[in-house]
Amino acid sequence: MDRETKKSPLISLEHISKSFAEGGVVHQVLRSINAEFAGGECIALLGRSGSGKSTILNLISGIDKPDSGRIVIGGVDITALSEHERTLFRRKNIGFIYQFFNLIPTLTILENVMLPLELNGENNRSRALEILDEVGLLDRKSDYPDRLSGGEQQRVAIIRALVHDPVIILADEPTGNIDKETGHNILDIMERLIRKKNKNLILVTHSKEVAKFADRLLLLEDGVLKRQSREIVW
């Protein structure tokens, strides 16, 4: 991918602020953030623990709402939507990859992968089987998550995030709960399934190796997003 190619904005954060109250004290996490993410771009969000990186993912997904400002995705102001409308928008347009996989233990691997399709009123079993085969897990489709290694569970989490063909993938420390070698394998799968299919990827990471995967690095510091050079400074 040509990392210098100018692309049209897909996601716009406009004057986004967010605070949380804890123990009677209000903590300002995000302060009038402005940012644009282009279509097909991979962004790595860096910052200290508790700096609000996961908060940004929750806001972009519509799980949470900002105190002020607006978020526009594909021309839709999601901050103007009702909670139900944001849920429907999220189900169709966004996929999630979590550090701790978040697979449902009482569902088989195939049932876990099918879940986003079923939530969208689809029953595309062939699509789920095809993408399981693509990551070498077709023969594990009837197993439960506890029978899989951490790397295998993360592969399932990745394809579950992709099976309904969302525009945006949000990944929160996607290699944070697996060993280094397995992490490299996960990045290879993300390269093949996400970047080559021109999906938007916004990932939170503490890993320099994972950060190198991104087109741009943004550092969250004092509640503001700052552009980071390729030479990562922590």
Protein backbone atom coordinates (compact mmCIF):
# COMPACT_ATOMS: atom_id res chain seq x y z
CA MET A 1 0.00 0.00 0.00
CA ASP A 2 1.26 3.50 -0.84
CA ARG A 3 1.34 5.16 2.55
CA GLU A 4 1.61 8.65 1.08
CA THR A 5 -1.51 8.43 -1.10
CA LYS A 6 -4.14 11.01 -0.13
CA LYS A 7 -7.50 9.42 0.58
CA SER A 8 -10.90 10.91 1.25
CA PRO A 9 -11.93 11.11 4.93
CA LEU A 10 -14.21 8.34 6.14
CA ILE A 11 -14.24 9.19 9.86
CA SER A 12 -14.22 12.72 11.28
CA LEU A 13 -13.91 13.62 14.95
CA GLU A 14 -14.97 17.22 15.44
CA HIS A 15 -14.22 18.97 18.75
CA ILE A 16 -14.76 15.78 20.76
CA SER A 17 -14.60 16.06 24.54
CA LYS A 18 -15.33 13.39 27.11
CA SER A 19 -15.11 13.24 30.90
CA PHE A 20 -15.92 10.65 33.55
CA ALA A 21 -16.87 11.05 37.18
CA GLU A 22 -15.17 8.79 39.71
CA GLY A 23 -15.44 9.09 43.46
CA GLY A 24 -17.09 12.47 43.12
CA VAL A 25 -14.21 13.75 40.98
CA VAL A 26 -14.62 14.59 37.28
CA HIS A 27 -11.75 13.48 35.05
CA GLN A 28 -11.40 15.14 31.66
CA VAL A 29 -10.20 12.34 29.35
CA LEU A 30 -10.54 13.89 25.88
CA ARG A 31 -10.24 17.61 25.17
CA SER A 32 -11.75 19.03 21.98
CA ILE A 33 -10.19 16.41 19.71
CA ASN A 34 -10.20 16.96 15.97
CA ALA A 35 -9.07 14.18 13.61
CA GLU A 36 -9.82 12.70 10.21
CA PHE A 37 -9.22 9.09 9.20
CA ALA A 38 -9.12 8.28 5.50
CA GLY A 39 -10.85 5.34 3.84
CA GLY A 40 -8.66 2.23 3.87
CA GLU A 41 -6.24 3.74 6.37
CA CYS A 42 -4.68 1.97 9.36
CA ILE A 43 -4.22 4.16 12.42
CA ALA A 44 -2.37 3.17 15.60
CA LEU A 45 -3.41 4.97 18.80
CA LEU A 46 -0.62 5.22 21.33
CA GLY A 47 -0.60 6.57 24.86
CA ARG A 48 -0.16 5.76 28.51
CA SER A 49 -2.59 3.45 30.30
CA GLY A 50 -5.75 5.34 31.21
CA SER A 51 -5.11 8.06 28.63
CA GLY A 52 -8.44 7.46 26.89
CA LYS A 53 -7.46 5.33 23.90
CA SER A 54 -10.23 2.79 24.47
CA THR A 55 -12.62 5.70 25.07
CA ILE A 56 -11.97 6.88 21.52
CA LEU A 57 -12.81 3.42 20.17
CA ASN A 58 -16.03 3.38 22.21
CA LEU A 59 -16.99 6.80 20.86
CA ILE A 60 -16.30 5.90 17.23
CA SER A 61 -18.34 2.71 17.63
CA GLY A 62 -21.25 4.59 19.19
CA ILE A 63 -21.10 2.53 22.37
CA ASP A 64 -20.61 5.81 24.18
CA LYS A 65 -21.39 9.44 23.33
CA PRO A 66 -19.11 12.46 23.69
CA ASP A 67 -19.97 15.27 26.09
CA SER A 68 -19.57 17.68 23.18
CA GLY A 69 -18.63 17.62 19.50
CA ARG A 70 -19.69 15.20 16.81
CA ILE A 71 -18.47 12.07 15.04
CA VAL A 72 -19.23 11.63 11.35
CA ILE A 73 -18.73 8.23 9.68
CA GLY A 74 -19.40 7.89 5.97
CA GLY A 75 -21.46 11.06 6.05
CA VAL A 76 -23.58 9.91 9.02
CA ASP A 77 -23.43 11.97 12.22
CA ILE A 78 -23.60 9.09 14.69
CA THR A 79 -23.75 11.46 17.66
CA ALA A 80 -27.16 12.60 16.41
CA LEU A 81 -28.53 9.04 16.37
CA SER A 82 -30.58 7.45 19.12
CA GLU A 83 -29.04 4.61 21.11
CA HIS A 84 -31.03 2.06 19.10
CA GLU A 85 -29.98 3.68 15.81
CA ARG A 86 -26.31 3.65 16.91
CA THR A 87 -26.63 -0.05 17.78
CA LEU A 88 -27.95 -0.85 14.31
CA PHE A 89 -25.25 1.29 12.70
CA ARG A 90 -22.54 -0.45 14.74
CA ARG A 91 -23.81 -3.96 13.91
CA LYS A 92 -23.63 -3.24 10.19
CA ASN A 93 -20.56 -1.06 9.84
CA ILE A 94 -18.11 -1.90 12.63
CA GLY A 95 -16.17 -4.97 13.71
CA PHE A 96 -14.32 -5.39 17.03
CA ILE A 97 -11.14 -7.23 17.98
CA TYR A 98 -10.39 -7.37 21.71
CA GLN A 99 -7.28 -8.18 23.72
CA PHE A 100 -9.04 -10.96 25.63
CA PHE A 101 -10.87 -12.34 22.54
CA ASN A 102 -14.39 -12.00 24.08
CA LEU A 103 -15.61 -15.23 22.50
CA ILE A 104 -18.81 -16.63 24.00
CA PRO A 105 -17.74 -19.82 25.83
CA THR A 106 -21.10 -21.61 25.41
CA LEU A 107 -21.07 -21.23 21.63
CA THR A 108 -19.00 -23.27 19.19
CA ILE A 109 -16.40 -21.56 17.02
CA LEU A 110 -18.79 -21.53 14.06
CA GLU A 111 -21.59 -20.13 16.22
CA ASN A 112 -19.27 -17.37 17.51
CA VAL A 113 -18.34 -16.42 13.95
CA MET A 114 -21.99 -16.51 12.85
CA LEU A 115 -23.13 -14.17 15.63
CA PRO A 116 -22.58 -10.81 13.82
CA LEU A 117 -24.41 -12.19 10.77
CA GLU A 118 -27.37 -13.32 12.86
CA LEU A 119 -27.54 -9.95 14.65
CA ASN A 120 -27.87 -8.37 11.20
CA GLY A 121 -30.63 -10.79 10.21
CA GLU A 122 -28.38 -12.86 7.94
CA ASN A 123 -27.81 -16.60 7.92
CA ASN A 124 -24.79 -16.83 5.63
CA ARG A 125 -23.30 -20.07 6.96
CA SER A 126 -21.25 -20.55 3.79
CA ARG A 127 -19.54 -17.17 4.35
CA ALA A 128 -18.66 -18.15 7.93
CA LEU A 129 -17.26 -21.51 6.79
CA GLU A 130 -15.29 -19.85 4.00
CA ILE A 131 -13.57 -17.38 6.31
CA LEU A 132 -12.84 -20.09 8.89
CA ASP A 133 -11.15 -22.05 6.14
CA GLU A 134 -9.18 -18.96 5.13
CA VAL A 135 -7.44 -18.87 8.54
CA GLY A 136 -7.03 -22.65 8.85
CA LEU A 137 -9.70 -23.25 11.47
CA LEU A 138 -12.41 -24.98 9.47
CA ASP A 139 -11.70 -28.30 11.18
CA ARG A 140 -12.23 -26.63 14.58
CA LYS A 141 -15.67 -25.22 13.76
CA SER A 142 -17.50 -27.50 16.24
CA ASP A 143 -15.06 -26.96 19.10
CA TYR A 144 -15.69 -24.55 21.97
CA PRO A 145 -13.32 -21.62 22.65
CA ASP A 146 -11.65 -23.27 25.67
CA ARG A 147 -10.32 -26.00 23.36
CA LEU A 148 -8.33 -23.46 21.31
CA SER A 149 -4.99 -21.81 22.03
CA GLY A 150 -4.81 -18.05 22.58
CA GLY A 151 -3.61 -17.48 19.02
CA GLU A 152 -6.40 -19.61 17.61
CA GLN A 153 -8.99 -17.75 19.68
CA GLN A 154 -7.65 -14.44 18.39
CA ARG A 155 -7.91 -15.73 14.81
CA VAL A 156 -11.57 -16.52 15.51
CA ALA A 157 -12.03 -13.03 16.99
CA ILE A 158 -10.55 -11.45 13.85
CA ILE A 159 -12.79 -13.32 11.44
CA ARG A 160 -15.83 -12.72 13.66
CA ALA A 161 -15.03 -9.00 13.32
CA LEU A 162 -14.89 -9.34 9.51
CA VAL A 163 -17.58 -11.87 8.63
CA HIS A 164 -20.34 -9.27 8.17
CA ASP A 165 -18.08 -7.15 5.91
CA PRO A 166 -17.91 -3.98 8.04
CA VAL A 167 -16.30 -0.76 6.85
CA ILE A 168 -14.33 -0.17 10.07
CA ILE A 169 -12.38 -2.53 12.32
CA LEU A 170 -11.58 -1.38 15.87
CA ALA A 171 -8.86 -3.36 17.61
CA ASP A 172 -7.95 -2.90 21.28
CA GLU A 173 -4.49 -4.42 21.96
CA PRO A 174 -5.05 -7.26 19.44
CA THR A 175 -1.74 -8.96 20.31
CA GLY A 176 -1.62 -7.99 23.98
CA ASN A 177 -2.65 -11.39 25.38
CA ILE A 178 -0.51 -13.68 23.21
CA ASP A 179 3.20 -14.42 22.88
CA LYS A 180 5.47 -12.54 20.45
CA GLU A 181 5.65 -15.25 17.78
CA THR A 182 1.88 -15.76 17.78
CA GLY A 183 1.50 -12.00 17.66
CA HIS A 184 3.47 -11.92 14.41
CA ASN A 185 1.14 -14.55 12.97
CA ILE A 186 -1.87 -12.48 14.01
CA LEU A 187 -0.40 -9.43 12.26
CA ASP A 188 0.08 -11.50 9.11
CA ILE A 189 -3.59 -12.50 9.23
CA MET A 190 -4.65 -8.89 9.83
CA GLU A 191 -2.52 -7.83 6.86
CA ARG A 192 -4.18 -10.40 4.62
CA LEU A 193 -7.77 -10.02 5.80
CA ILE A 194 -7.99 -6.35 6.73
CA ARG A 195 -5.41 -4.21 4.94
CA LYS A 196 -5.55 -6.01 1.59
CA LYS A 197 -9.35 -5.69 1.61
CA ASN A 198 -8.99 -1.93 2.16
CA LYS A 199 -10.81 -1.87 5.49
CA ASN A 200 -10.35 0.98 7.92
CA LEU A 201 -8.41 -0.22 10.96
CA ILE A 202 -8.01 1.78 14.16
CA LEU A 203 -5.95 -0.08 16.72
CA VAL A 204 -4.84 0.65 20.25
CA THR A 205 -1.46 -0.80 21.11
CA HIS A 206 1.54 -0.58 23.42
CA SER A 207 3.63 -2.70 21.04
CA LYS A 208 6.20 -1.06 18.79
CA GLU A 209 5.95 -4.02 16.42
CA VAL A 210 2.20 -3.59 16.07
CA ALA A 211 2.56 0.19 15.69
CA LYS A 212 4.86 -0.34 12.68
CA PHE A 213 1.89 -2.05 11.01
CA ALA A 214 0.03 1.29 10.82
CA ASP A 215 0.03 4.02 8.17
CA ARG A 216 -0.07 6.73 10.83
CA LEU A 217 0.65 6.90 14.53
CA LEU A 218 -1.38 9.15 16.82
CA LEU A 219 -0.27 9.79 20.37
CA LEU A 220 -2.93 10.56 22.97
CA GLU A 221 -1.40 12.94 25.47
CA ASP A 222 -3.15 15.26 27.92
CA GLY A 223 -6.48 14.46 26.25
CA VAL A 224 -5.31 15.55 22.79
CA LEU A 225 -4.33 13.49 19.73
CA LYS A 226 -0.92 14.38 18.37
CA ARG A 227 0.76 13.09 15.24
CA GLN A 228 3.63 10.76 16.04
CA SER A 229 6.70 10.21 13.89
CA ARG A 230 7.65 6.70 12.74
CA GLU A 231 10.33 6.84 15.45
CA ILE A 232 8.13 5.94 18.39
CA VAL A 233 8.65 7.88 21.61
CA TRP A 234 6.85 6.46 24.64
